[in-house]
Amino acid sequence: MTRTPDQFAHDPDDAQLHDQELVGASYRRLQGVIDDYRDTEPEGPSTLESLRGRIMDIVHRESALGPTTELATSSGGRFEMLTSTIRQVVREAVDDEPGVVARRVHVRVTEQVDQQGLDLEVSVSIGPDVSIPAVEDLVRDRVARAVTATVGTRLATMDIRVEDIHDI
């Protein structure tokens, strides 16, 4: 996905909107379990405890660990990973490129017919002697390899937003 320069205008509410999306996804997962709870006629204490346990597990996980991103393996198995972990993998890959420092990372999951991938928006700071066109493909390739190796899914798109030029 290619953006024009005017689409890179800084939006201070961008991070807050992304976090609201993650909270919304957590809420929908919890709501699904609660709906199951309400629709189930308890056959006994074990059924009720099982549903209660699922609800409390979601509440605990989301409040103690933070937002998660639901992903799929290449064989179709589903798993969740802390969104902060994915962000850290991306930041480390970006920071390995000389003269480029990751600042913010927004993660979204793209579901396509046969595959899943991560859509990333990465804000960076670059050194004064760094040529954006020269490092753009290097950064994307480095992040794609890190995401595939560590997270286990492919990189679908990666938008790079240069927010600042820093002194090295």
Protein backbone atom coordinates (compact mmCIF):
# COMPACT_ATOMS: atom_id res chain seq x y z
CA MET A 1 0.00 0.00 0.00
CA THR A 2 1.60 3.27 -1.10
CA ARG A 3 0.64 6.55 0.48
CA THR A 4 1.06 10.06 -0.79
CA PRO A 5 2.96 12.58 1.39
CA ASP A 6 -0.22 14.35 2.54
CA GLN A 7 -1.53 11.04 3.97
CA PHE A 8 1.41 10.95 6.41
CA ALA A 9 0.15 13.94 8.41
CA HIS A 10 0.62 13.22 12.11
CA ASP A 11 -2.58 12.38 13.91
CA PRO A 12 -2.11 12.56 17.70
CA ASP A 13 -5.22 10.45 18.22
CA ASP A 14 -3.89 7.65 15.98
CA ALA A 15 -2.38 5.60 18.82
CA GLN A 16 -5.48 6.10 20.94
CA LEU A 17 -7.74 4.95 18.08
CA HIS A 18 -5.62 1.84 17.57
CA ASP A 19 -5.78 1.00 21.29
CA GLN A 20 -9.55 1.49 21.17
CA GLU A 21 -9.71 -1.05 18.32
CA LEU A 22 -7.78 -3.56 20.45
CA VAL A 23 -10.07 -2.95 23.42
CA GLY A 24 -13.05 -3.41 21.10
CA ALA A 25 -11.69 -6.78 19.92
CA SER A 26 -11.20 -7.88 23.53
CA TYR A 27 -14.71 -6.75 24.36
CA ARG A 28 -16.15 -8.73 21.44
CA ARG A 29 -14.30 -11.90 22.56
CA LEU A 30 -15.59 -11.45 26.10
CA GLN A 31 -19.09 -10.68 24.84
CA GLY A 32 -19.08 -13.95 22.87
CA VAL A 33 -18.26 -15.92 26.00
CA ILE A 34 -20.90 -14.05 28.00
CA ASP A 35 -23.47 -14.78 25.28
CA ASP A 36 -22.52 -18.48 25.51
CA TYR A 37 -22.97 -18.23 29.26
CA ARG A 38 -26.43 -16.74 28.95
CA ASP A 39 -27.52 -19.24 26.29
CA THR A 40 -26.34 -22.28 28.24
CA GLU A 41 -28.68 -24.01 30.56
CA PRO A 42 -26.44 -25.26 33.32
CA GLU A 43 -26.43 -29.04 33.53
CA GLY A 44 -24.56 -28.77 36.74
CA PRO A 45 -21.86 -26.88 38.57
CA SER A 46 -19.13 -27.99 36.14
CA THR A 47 -20.75 -26.27 33.13
CA LEU A 48 -21.28 -23.07 35.07
CA GLU A 49 -17.74 -23.13 36.44
CA SER A 50 -16.33 -23.78 32.97
CA LEU A 51 -18.06 -20.70 31.52
CA ARG A 52 -17.13 -18.61 34.55
CA GLY A 53 -13.56 -19.77 34.16
CA ARG A 54 -13.47 -18.77 30.48
CA ILE A 55 -14.82 -15.31 31.31
CA MET A 56 -12.35 -14.78 34.13
CA ASP A 57 -9.49 -16.05 31.97
CA ILE A 58 -10.24 -13.43 29.30
CA VAL A 59 -10.64 -10.66 31.87
CA HIS A 60 -7.39 -11.64 33.61
CA ARG A 61 -5.40 -11.99 30.40
CA GLU A 62 -6.55 -8.66 28.97
CA SER A 63 -6.11 -6.70 32.19
CA ALA A 64 -2.87 -8.28 33.40
CA LEU A 65 -0.99 -8.74 30.16
CA GLY A 66 -2.45 -6.16 27.82
CA PRO A 67 -4.08 -6.40 24.41
CA THR A 68 -3.43 -9.47 22.28
CA THR A 69 -3.47 -10.02 18.53
CA GLU A 70 -5.12 -13.19 17.25
CA LEU A 71 -3.03 -14.93 14.59
CA ALA A 72 -3.02 -18.17 12.61
CA THR A 73 -0.25 -20.60 11.79
CA SER A 74 0.40 -21.69 8.22
CA SER A 75 -1.54 -24.89 8.99
CA GLY A 76 -4.56 -22.88 10.18
CA GLY A 77 -4.10 -23.22 13.93
CA ARG A 78 -5.16 -20.12 15.88
CA PHE A 79 -3.12 -18.50 18.64
CA GLU A 80 -2.80 -15.15 20.39
CA MET A 81 0.32 -13.08 20.93
CA LEU A 82 0.69 -9.96 23.01
CA THR A 83 0.54 -6.98 20.68
CA SER A 84 3.43 -5.42 22.59
CA THR A 85 5.57 -8.46 21.70
CA ILE A 86 4.85 -8.02 17.99
CA ARG A 87 5.68 -4.32 18.28
CA GLN A 88 9.00 -5.17 19.96
CA VAL A 89 9.95 -7.63 17.20
CA VAL A 90 9.27 -4.92 14.60
CA ARG A 91 11.14 -2.22 16.56
CA GLU A 92 14.23 -4.40 16.93
CA ALA A 93 14.25 -5.21 13.21
CA VAL A 94 13.91 -1.52 12.28
CA ASP A 95 16.56 -0.44 14.79
CA ASP A 96 19.04 -2.91 13.26
CA GLU A 97 19.15 -0.72 10.14
CA PRO A 98 21.92 1.89 10.64
CA GLY A 99 20.54 5.43 10.97
CA VAL A 100 16.91 4.33 11.43
CA VAL A 101 15.13 4.22 14.80
CA ALA A 102 11.60 2.89 15.30
CA ARG A 103 9.25 5.13 17.24
CA ARG A 104 5.68 3.80 16.98
CA VAL A 105 4.32 0.55 15.59
CA HIS A 106 0.65 -0.06 14.82
CA VAL A 107 -0.36 -3.67 14.17
CA ARG A 108 -3.41 -4.93 12.31
CA VAL A 109 -4.17 -8.42 11.02
CA THR A 110 -5.30 -8.93 7.43
CA GLU A 111 -7.46 -11.98 6.74
CA GLN A 112 -7.45 -13.09 3.13
CA VAL A 113 -8.92 -16.17 1.48
CA ASP A 114 -6.07 -18.60 2.18
CA GLN A 115 -3.67 -16.62 4.26
CA GLN A 116 -3.23 -14.14 7.01
CA GLY A 117 -0.72 -11.36 7.33
CA LEU A 118 0.22 -8.39 9.43
CA ASP A 119 -0.42 -4.85 8.27
CA LEU A 120 2.05 -2.54 9.97
CA GLU A 121 2.41 1.19 10.19
CA VAL A 122 5.83 2.07 11.52
CA SER A 123 6.87 5.58 12.50
CA VAL A 124 10.62 6.14 12.41
CA SER A 125 13.27 8.73 13.06
CA ILE A 126 16.18 8.81 10.62
CA GLY A 127 19.68 10.21 10.66
CA PRO A 128 20.42 13.33 8.60
CA ASP A 129 22.53 11.38 6.10
CA VAL A 130 20.01 8.56 5.57
CA SER A 131 18.28 8.37 2.20
CA ILE A 132 14.70 7.19 2.66
CA PRO A 133 14.48 5.47 -0.77
CA ALA A 134 17.79 3.71 -0.09
CA VAL A 135 16.72 2.18 3.26
CA GLU A 136 12.99 1.73 2.63
CA ASP A 137 13.27 -1.70 0.99
CA LEU A 138 16.00 -2.80 3.40
CA VAL A 139 13.80 -1.99 6.41
CA ARG A 140 10.76 -3.71 4.89
CA ASP A 141 12.79 -6.83 4.08
CA ARG A 142 14.36 -6.92 7.55
CA VAL A 143 10.94 -6.54 9.24
CA ALA A 144 9.34 -9.17 6.95
CA ARG A 145 12.05 -11.70 7.86
CA ALA A 146 11.74 -10.94 11.59
CA VAL A 147 7.93 -11.20 11.54
CA THR A 148 8.03 -14.51 9.66
CA ALA A 149 10.75 -15.99 11.88
CA THR A 150 9.46 -14.79 15.25
CA VAL A 151 5.71 -14.32 14.89
CA GLY A 152 5.15 -17.07 12.33
CA THR A 153 3.03 -15.10 9.90
CA ARG A 154 3.79 -13.06 6.81
CA LEU A 155 4.04 -9.31 6.46
CA ALA A 156 1.12 -8.18 4.26
CA THR A 157 1.85 -4.43 4.13
CA MET A 158 4.14 -2.01 5.88
CA ASP A 159 3.72 1.74 5.72
CA ILE A 160 6.71 3.75 6.89
CA ARG A 161 6.15 7.22 8.31
CA VAL A 162 9.23 9.39 8.89
CA GLU A 163 8.43 11.53 11.92
CA ASP A 164 11.78 13.06 12.71
CA ILE A 165 15.39 13.50 11.67
CA HIS A 166 17.77 12.90 14.56
CA ASP A 167 21.45 13.58 15.13
CA ILE A 168 23.53 10.45 15.32
